Amino acid sequence: MAKNDSPLERVEQARFVGWLESQGLLFSATAQSTYTTSWNQKRLNHATGLRKGVPDMLVIIPPERDERGLGCVLFIEMKRQKGGVVSKEQKEWIRELDMIDNVGAFVCRGADSAIETVSTFLKDPDNSPF
C-alpha cells in the first residue's frame, strides 16, 4: 500500500485557521477532535452533549461580509488532501445542516479547499498567502 504523503488533517486545519484569522472572521473548532482513551471522559462527553460527526470547524459570515448580504453559518469538515473517509455520522450532520437556510456544511480536502469554500461567501476575500 502506498504511503499517504499529504499533510495531516491537523496541519491543514491549522493553516485554514491562520487564514480565517487573517480575514477577521469569527470561528471555532468543535470539540470533536479531542481524543481520549478514558471511558469516564467519553461517558461525560456524551452526557454533556458531545456527538459523533459534528463538522470540525464553525465559521460565521456576518451580513456585511457576505457576498449575498444575508450572513450565514458555515460548517467545515476537514480531511487530508488524499485519503480521509467521511463517516456515516459526518454525512448525516452535513445533510441535516445543509437543509437549514443560511447554513452550509462542506467537506474540504485540505486548507486550500476550505479557503476556497469560505471565500465564495465573502465580499472581497484576501486569498493571498499569509
N, C-alpha and C. Protein backbone atom coordinates (compact mmCIF):
# COMPACT_ATOMS: atom_id res chain seq x y z
N MET A 1 0.84 -1.17 0.00
CA MET A 1 0.00 0.00 0.00
C MET A 1 0.89 1.24 0.00
N ALA A 2 0.57 2.22 -0.85
CA ALA A 2 1.36 3.45 -0.95
C ALA A 2 1.14 4.32 0.29
N LYS A 3 2.21 4.95 0.71
CA LYS A 3 2.15 5.84 1.87
C LYS A 3 1.45 7.14 1.48
N ASN A 4 0.57 7.63 2.35
CA ASN A 4 -0.11 8.91 2.13
C ASN A 4 0.82 10.01 2.59
N ASP A 5 1.40 10.72 1.64
CA ASP A 5 2.35 11.77 1.99
C ASP A 5 1.71 13.16 2.01
N SER A 6 0.37 13.23 1.91
CA SER A 6 -0.29 14.53 2.01
C SER A 6 -0.25 15.00 3.46
N PRO A 7 -0.28 16.33 3.68
CA PRO A 7 -0.21 16.85 5.06
C PRO A 7 -1.33 16.28 5.93
N LEU A 8 -1.04 16.13 7.21
CA LEU A 8 -2.05 15.65 8.17
C LEU A 8 -3.21 16.63 8.24
N GLU A 9 -4.38 16.11 8.60
CA GLU A 9 -5.57 16.95 8.72
C GLU A 9 -5.33 18.11 9.67
N ARG A 10 -4.68 17.87 10.80
CA ARG A 10 -4.46 18.94 11.78
C ARG A 10 -3.53 20.03 11.24
N VAL A 11 -2.60 19.66 10.37
CA VAL A 11 -1.71 20.65 9.75
C VAL A 11 -2.53 21.53 8.79
N GLU A 12 -3.36 20.90 7.97
CA GLU A 12 -4.23 21.64 7.05
C GLU A 12 -5.20 22.54 7.82
N GLN A 13 -5.76 22.01 8.91
CA GLN A 13 -6.71 22.80 9.68
C GLN A 13 -6.02 24.01 10.31
N ALA A 14 -4.81 23.84 10.80
CA ALA A 14 -4.07 24.97 11.39
C ALA A 14 -3.80 26.04 10.33
N ARG A 15 -3.49 25.63 9.11
CA ARG A 15 -3.28 26.60 8.03
C ARG A 15 -4.58 27.34 7.71
N PHE A 16 -5.69 26.62 7.69
CA PHE A 16 -7.01 27.21 7.47
C PHE A 16 -7.33 28.21 8.58
N VAL A 17 -7.04 27.85 9.81
CA VAL A 17 -7.27 28.75 10.95
C VAL A 17 -6.47 30.04 10.79
N GLY A 18 -5.23 29.93 10.35
CA GLY A 18 -4.42 31.13 10.10
C GLY A 18 -5.07 32.05 9.08
N TRP A 19 -5.62 31.45 8.03
CA TRP A 19 -6.31 32.25 7.01
C TRP A 19 -7.57 32.89 7.58
N LEU A 20 -8.36 32.11 8.34
CA LEU A 20 -9.57 32.68 8.95
C LEU A 20 -9.21 33.88 9.84
N GLU A 21 -8.14 33.75 10.62
CA GLU A 21 -7.70 34.86 11.46
C GLU A 21 -7.32 36.06 10.61
N SER A 22 -6.64 35.83 9.50
CA SER A 22 -6.25 36.94 8.62
C SER A 22 -7.45 37.65 8.02
N GLN A 23 -8.58 36.93 7.92
CA GLN A 23 -9.82 37.51 7.39
C GLN A 23 -10.64 38.22 8.46
N GLY A 24 -10.27 38.05 9.73
CA GLY A 24 -11.02 38.67 10.83
C GLY A 24 -12.40 38.06 11.05
N LEU A 25 -12.55 36.79 10.70
CA LEU A 25 -13.84 36.11 10.87
C LEU A 25 -13.94 35.46 12.25
N LEU A 26 -15.17 35.35 12.72
CA LEU A 26 -15.44 34.64 13.97
C LEU A 26 -15.57 33.15 13.63
N PHE A 27 -14.83 32.31 14.34
CA PHE A 27 -14.82 30.88 14.04
C PHE A 27 -14.41 30.12 15.30
N SER A 28 -14.64 28.82 15.25
CA SER A 28 -14.16 27.95 16.32
C SER A 28 -14.07 26.52 15.79
N ALA A 29 -13.13 25.80 16.34
CA ALA A 29 -13.11 24.35 16.12
C ALA A 29 -14.11 23.74 17.09
N THR A 30 -14.70 22.64 16.71
CA THR A 30 -15.61 21.95 17.62
C THR A 30 -14.80 20.99 18.48
N ALA A 31 -15.37 20.53 19.55
CA ALA A 31 -14.66 19.66 20.50
C ALA A 31 -14.51 18.23 19.99
N GLN A 32 -14.98 17.96 18.78
CA GLN A 32 -14.93 16.60 18.25
C GLN A 32 -13.52 16.05 18.17
N SER A 33 -12.55 16.94 17.96
CA SER A 33 -11.19 16.47 17.72
C SER A 33 -10.43 16.13 19.00
N THR A 34 -11.05 16.31 20.14
CA THR A 34 -10.39 15.98 21.42
C THR A 34 -10.42 14.47 21.61
N TYR A 35 -9.28 13.85 21.51
CA TYR A 35 -9.18 12.40 21.62
C TYR A 35 -8.88 11.99 23.06
N THR A 36 -9.56 10.96 23.52
CA THR A 36 -9.28 10.42 24.84
C THR A 36 -9.49 8.91 24.82
N THR A 37 -8.70 8.21 25.62
CA THR A 37 -8.91 6.77 25.77
C THR A 37 -9.68 6.49 27.06
N SER A 38 -9.95 7.53 27.84
CA SER A 38 -10.66 7.38 29.12
C SER A 38 -12.15 7.16 28.88
N TRP A 39 -12.64 6.00 29.33
CA TRP A 39 -14.07 5.73 29.19
C TRP A 39 -14.89 6.67 30.05
N ASN A 40 -14.37 7.06 31.21
CA ASN A 40 -15.10 8.03 32.05
C ASN A 40 -15.26 9.36 31.32
N GLN A 41 -14.20 9.82 30.67
CA GLN A 41 -14.29 11.07 29.92
C GLN A 41 -15.24 10.93 28.73
N LYS A 42 -15.21 9.79 28.06
CA LYS A 42 -16.12 9.55 26.94
C LYS A 42 -17.57 9.58 27.41
N ARG A 43 -17.86 8.95 28.55
CA ARG A 43 -19.22 8.98 29.10
C ARG A 43 -19.64 10.40 29.45
N LEU A 44 -18.72 11.16 30.08
CA LEU A 44 -19.00 12.55 30.43
C LEU A 44 -19.24 13.38 29.17
N ASN A 45 -18.40 13.20 28.16
CA ASN A 45 -18.59 13.93 26.90
C ASN A 45 -19.97 13.66 26.32
N HIS A 46 -20.38 12.39 26.29
CA HIS A 46 -21.68 12.04 25.74
C HIS A 46 -22.81 12.62 26.59
N ALA A 47 -22.69 12.50 27.91
CA ALA A 47 -23.72 13.02 28.81
C ALA A 47 -23.89 14.53 28.69
N THR A 48 -22.82 15.23 28.37
CA THR A 48 -22.89 16.69 28.26
C THR A 48 -23.14 17.16 26.83
N GLY A 49 -23.44 16.23 25.91
CA GLY A 49 -23.92 16.60 24.59
C GLY A 49 -22.98 16.42 23.42
N LEU A 50 -21.78 15.96 23.63
CA LEU A 50 -20.86 15.75 22.52
C LEU A 50 -21.36 14.59 21.67
N ARG A 51 -21.48 14.81 20.37
CA ARG A 51 -21.98 13.78 19.47
C ARG A 51 -21.03 13.57 18.31
N LYS A 52 -20.95 12.33 17.85
CA LYS A 52 -20.11 11.96 16.71
C LYS A 52 -20.59 12.66 15.45
N GLY A 53 -19.63 13.04 14.61
CA GLY A 53 -19.96 13.51 13.27
C GLY A 53 -20.08 15.00 13.08
N VAL A 54 -20.11 15.78 14.18
CA VAL A 54 -20.22 17.23 14.02
C VAL A 54 -18.98 17.72 13.27
N PRO A 55 -19.17 18.57 12.25
CA PRO A 55 -18.01 19.04 11.49
C PRO A 55 -16.96 19.73 12.36
N ASP A 56 -15.72 19.74 11.87
CA ASP A 56 -14.56 20.22 12.63
C ASP A 56 -14.59 21.71 12.95
N MET A 57 -15.09 22.52 12.02
CA MET A 57 -15.00 23.97 12.16
C MET A 57 -16.36 24.63 11.96
N LEU A 58 -16.57 25.70 12.71
CA LEU A 58 -17.75 26.55 12.60
C LEU A 58 -17.24 27.94 12.23
N VAL A 59 -17.79 28.52 11.16
CA VAL A 59 -17.36 29.83 10.69
C VAL A 59 -18.59 30.70 10.51
N ILE A 60 -18.55 31.93 11.06
CA ILE A 60 -19.64 32.89 10.94
C ILE A 60 -19.28 33.89 9.85
N ILE A 61 -20.17 34.08 8.90
CA ILE A 61 -20.02 35.12 7.88
C ILE A 61 -21.07 36.18 8.19
N PRO A 62 -20.68 37.34 8.73
CA PRO A 62 -21.67 38.37 9.07
C PRO A 62 -22.27 38.98 7.80
N PRO A 63 -23.47 39.52 7.89
CA PRO A 63 -24.14 40.07 6.69
C PRO A 63 -23.28 41.06 5.91
N GLU A 64 -22.53 41.91 6.61
CA GLU A 64 -21.74 42.92 5.91
C GLU A 64 -20.55 42.33 5.14
N ARG A 65 -20.18 41.09 5.44
CA ARG A 65 -19.08 40.42 4.74
C ARG A 65 -19.59 39.39 3.73
N ASP A 66 -20.89 39.08 3.80
CA ASP A 66 -21.49 38.05 2.95
C ASP A 66 -21.75 38.61 1.56
N GLU A 67 -21.30 37.91 0.55
CA GLU A 67 -21.50 38.29 -0.85
C GLU A 67 -22.98 38.55 -1.14
N ARG A 68 -23.86 37.81 -0.47
CA ARG A 68 -25.31 37.96 -0.70
C ARG A 68 -25.94 38.98 0.24
N GLY A 69 -25.17 39.43 1.24
CA GLY A 69 -25.69 40.40 2.21
C GLY A 69 -26.59 39.81 3.28
N LEU A 70 -26.62 38.49 3.39
CA LEU A 70 -27.53 37.82 4.33
C LEU A 70 -26.87 37.39 5.63
N GLY A 71 -25.61 37.04 5.55
CA GLY A 71 -24.94 36.40 6.69
C GLY A 71 -25.25 34.92 6.67
N CYS A 72 -24.33 34.13 7.18
CA CYS A 72 -24.56 32.69 7.21
C CYS A 72 -23.60 32.03 8.20
N VAL A 73 -23.88 30.79 8.47
CA VAL A 73 -23.04 29.95 9.31
C VAL A 73 -22.55 28.81 8.43
N LEU A 74 -21.24 28.60 8.45
CA LEU A 74 -20.65 27.51 7.67
C LEU A 74 -20.04 26.49 8.60
N PHE A 75 -20.21 25.24 8.27
CA PHE A 75 -19.56 24.13 8.97
C PHE A 75 -18.62 23.46 7.98
N ILE A 76 -17.38 23.29 8.40
CA ILE A 76 -16.37 22.71 7.54
C ILE A 76 -15.84 21.43 8.17
N GLU A 77 -15.97 20.32 7.46
CA GLU A 77 -15.37 19.06 7.87
C GLU A 77 -14.04 18.95 7.13
N MET A 78 -12.94 19.03 7.87
CA MET A 78 -11.61 18.96 7.27
C MET A 78 -11.19 17.51 7.05
N LYS A 79 -10.58 17.28 5.91
CA LYS A 79 -9.97 15.99 5.59
C LYS A 79 -8.62 16.25 4.95
N ARG A 80 -7.77 15.23 4.96
CA ARG A 80 -6.49 15.33 4.26
C ARG A 80 -6.76 15.47 2.76
N GLN A 81 -5.77 16.01 2.05
CA GLN A 81 -5.92 16.18 0.60
C GLN A 81 -6.15 14.83 -0.08
N LYS A 82 -5.47 13.80 0.41
CA LYS A 82 -5.64 12.44 -0.12
C LYS A 82 -6.06 11.55 1.04
N GLY A 83 -7.03 10.71 0.80
CA GLY A 83 -7.49 9.81 1.86
C GLY A 83 -8.48 10.54 2.76
N GLY A 84 -8.70 9.99 3.91
CA GLY A 84 -9.66 10.60 4.84
C GLY A 84 -11.08 10.25 4.44
N VAL A 85 -11.71 9.45 5.23
CA VAL A 85 -13.05 8.96 4.92
C VAL A 85 -14.08 9.78 5.69
N VAL A 86 -15.15 10.15 5.02
CA VAL A 86 -16.26 10.84 5.65
C VAL A 86 -17.16 9.76 6.27
N SER A 87 -17.31 9.82 7.60
CA SER A 87 -18.08 8.79 8.30
C SER A 87 -19.58 8.94 8.05
N LYS A 88 -20.30 7.89 8.38
CA LYS A 88 -21.77 7.89 8.27
C LYS A 88 -22.35 9.04 9.09
N GLU A 89 -21.82 9.24 10.30
CA GLU A 89 -22.31 10.32 11.18
C GLU A 89 -22.00 11.70 10.59
N GLN A 90 -20.82 11.85 10.02
CA GLN A 90 -20.47 13.13 9.39
C GLN A 90 -21.37 13.42 8.21
N LYS A 91 -21.66 12.43 7.39
CA LYS A 91 -22.57 12.60 6.26
C LYS A 91 -23.95 13.02 6.74
N GLU A 92 -24.42 12.42 7.82
CA GLU A 92 -25.74 12.76 8.37
C GLU A 92 -25.77 14.22 8.83
N TRP A 93 -24.75 14.64 9.60
CA TRP A 93 -24.69 16.03 10.06
C TRP A 93 -24.67 16.99 8.87
N ILE A 94 -23.85 16.72 7.88
CA ILE A 94 -23.73 17.59 6.72
C ILE A 94 -25.06 17.68 5.99
N ARG A 95 -25.71 16.56 5.79
CA ARG A 95 -27.02 16.54 5.11
C ARG A 95 -28.04 17.38 5.88
N GLU A 96 -28.12 17.18 7.20
CA GLU A 96 -29.11 17.90 8.01
C GLU A 96 -28.81 19.40 8.09
N LEU A 97 -27.53 19.76 8.24
CA LEU A 97 -27.16 21.18 8.30
C LEU A 97 -27.46 21.89 6.99
N ASP A 98 -27.25 21.20 5.89
CA ASP A 98 -27.49 21.80 4.57
C ASP A 98 -28.97 22.08 4.30
N MET A 99 -29.86 21.51 5.07
CA MET A 99 -31.29 21.75 4.87
C MET A 99 -31.77 23.03 5.57
N ILE A 100 -30.89 23.69 6.31
CA ILE A 100 -31.26 24.89 7.06
C ILE A 100 -30.86 26.13 6.26
N ASP A 101 -31.77 27.10 6.16
CA ASP A 101 -31.48 28.34 5.44
C ASP A 101 -30.27 29.04 6.05
N ASN A 102 -29.43 29.59 5.20
CA ASN A 102 -28.23 30.35 5.59
C ASN A 102 -27.23 29.54 6.41
N VAL A 103 -27.28 28.22 6.26
CA VAL A 103 -26.29 27.33 6.87
C VAL A 103 -25.74 26.47 5.74
N GLY A 104 -24.43 26.34 5.72
CA GLY A 104 -23.80 25.47 4.73
C GLY A 104 -22.84 24.53 5.41
N ALA A 105 -22.77 23.31 4.95
CA ALA A 105 -21.85 22.32 5.52
C ALA A 105 -21.08 21.70 4.36
N PHE A 106 -19.75 21.62 4.52
CA PHE A 106 -18.89 21.20 3.43
C PHE A 106 -17.79 20.26 3.94
N VAL A 107 -17.41 19.33 3.10
CA VAL A 107 -16.21 18.53 3.33
C VAL A 107 -15.12 19.16 2.48
N CYS A 108 -14.02 19.54 3.12
CA CYS A 108 -12.92 20.19 2.42
C CYS A 108 -11.66 19.35 2.58
N ARG A 109 -11.05 19.04 1.47
CA ARG A 109 -9.83 18.23 1.46
C ARG A 109 -8.62 19.17 1.38
N GLY A 110 -8.16 19.56 2.57
CA GLY A 110 -7.02 20.45 2.69
C GLY A 110 -7.42 21.90 2.90
N ALA A 111 -6.45 22.69 3.34
CA ALA A 111 -6.68 24.10 3.64
C ALA A 111 -7.10 24.88 2.40
N ASP A 112 -6.49 24.61 1.27
CA ASP A 112 -6.84 25.36 0.05
C ASP A 112 -8.31 25.17 -0.29
N SER A 113 -8.81 23.97 -0.16
CA SER A 113 -10.22 23.70 -0.42
C SER A 113 -11.11 24.45 0.57
N ALA A 114 -10.74 24.46 1.84
CA ALA A 114 -11.53 25.17 2.85
C ALA A 114 -11.52 26.67 2.60
N ILE A 115 -10.35 27.22 2.26
CA ILE A 115 -10.23 28.65 1.97
C ILE A 115 -11.09 29.01 0.76
N GLU A 116 -11.01 28.20 -0.27
CA GLU A 116 -11.81 28.44 -1.48
C GLU A 116 -13.30 28.39 -1.16
N THR A 117 -13.71 27.43 -0.34
CA THR A 117 -15.12 27.29 0.02
C THR A 117 -15.62 28.51 0.76
N VAL A 118 -14.91 28.94 1.80
CA VAL A 118 -15.34 30.10 2.58
C VAL A 118 -15.28 31.36 1.72
N SER A 119 -14.27 31.48 0.87
CA SER A 119 -14.11 32.66 0.02
C SER A 119 -15.31 32.90 -0.87
N THR A 120 -15.99 31.84 -1.29
CA THR A 120 -17.14 32.01 -2.18
C THR A 120 -18.28 32.77 -1.50
N PHE A 121 -18.27 32.82 -0.19
CA PHE A 121 -19.31 33.53 0.55
C PHE A 121 -18.92 34.96 0.89
N LEU A 122 -17.65 35.31 0.73
CA LEU A 122 -17.13 36.60 1.18
C LEU A 122 -17.07 37.65 0.08
N LYS A 123 -17.39 38.87 0.45
CA LYS A 123 -17.09 40.01 -0.42
C LYS A 123 -15.59 40.25 -0.30
N ASP A 124 -14.92 40.39 -1.41
CA ASP A 124 -13.50 40.75 -1.45
C ASP A 124 -12.61 39.98 -0.47
N PRO A 125 -12.58 38.65 -0.55
CA PRO A 125 -11.67 37.90 0.34
C PRO A 125 -10.23 38.14 -0.04
N ASP A 126 -9.37 38.09 0.97
CA ASP A 126 -7.93 38.18 0.72
C ASP A 126 -7.40 36.76 0.69
N ASN A 127 -7.16 36.24 -0.49
CA ASN A 127 -6.69 34.86 -0.64
C ASN A 127 -5.17 34.76 -0.70
N SER A 128 -4.49 35.87 -0.43
CA SER A 128 -3.04 35.83 -0.51
C SER A 128 -2.47 34.98 0.62
N PRO A 129 -1.31 34.37 0.38
CA PRO A 129 -0.70 33.59 1.44
C PRO A 129 -0.32 34.49 2.62
N PHE A 130 -0.35 33.94 3.80
CA PHE A 130 -0.03 34.75 4.99
C PHE A 130 1.29 34.31 5.56
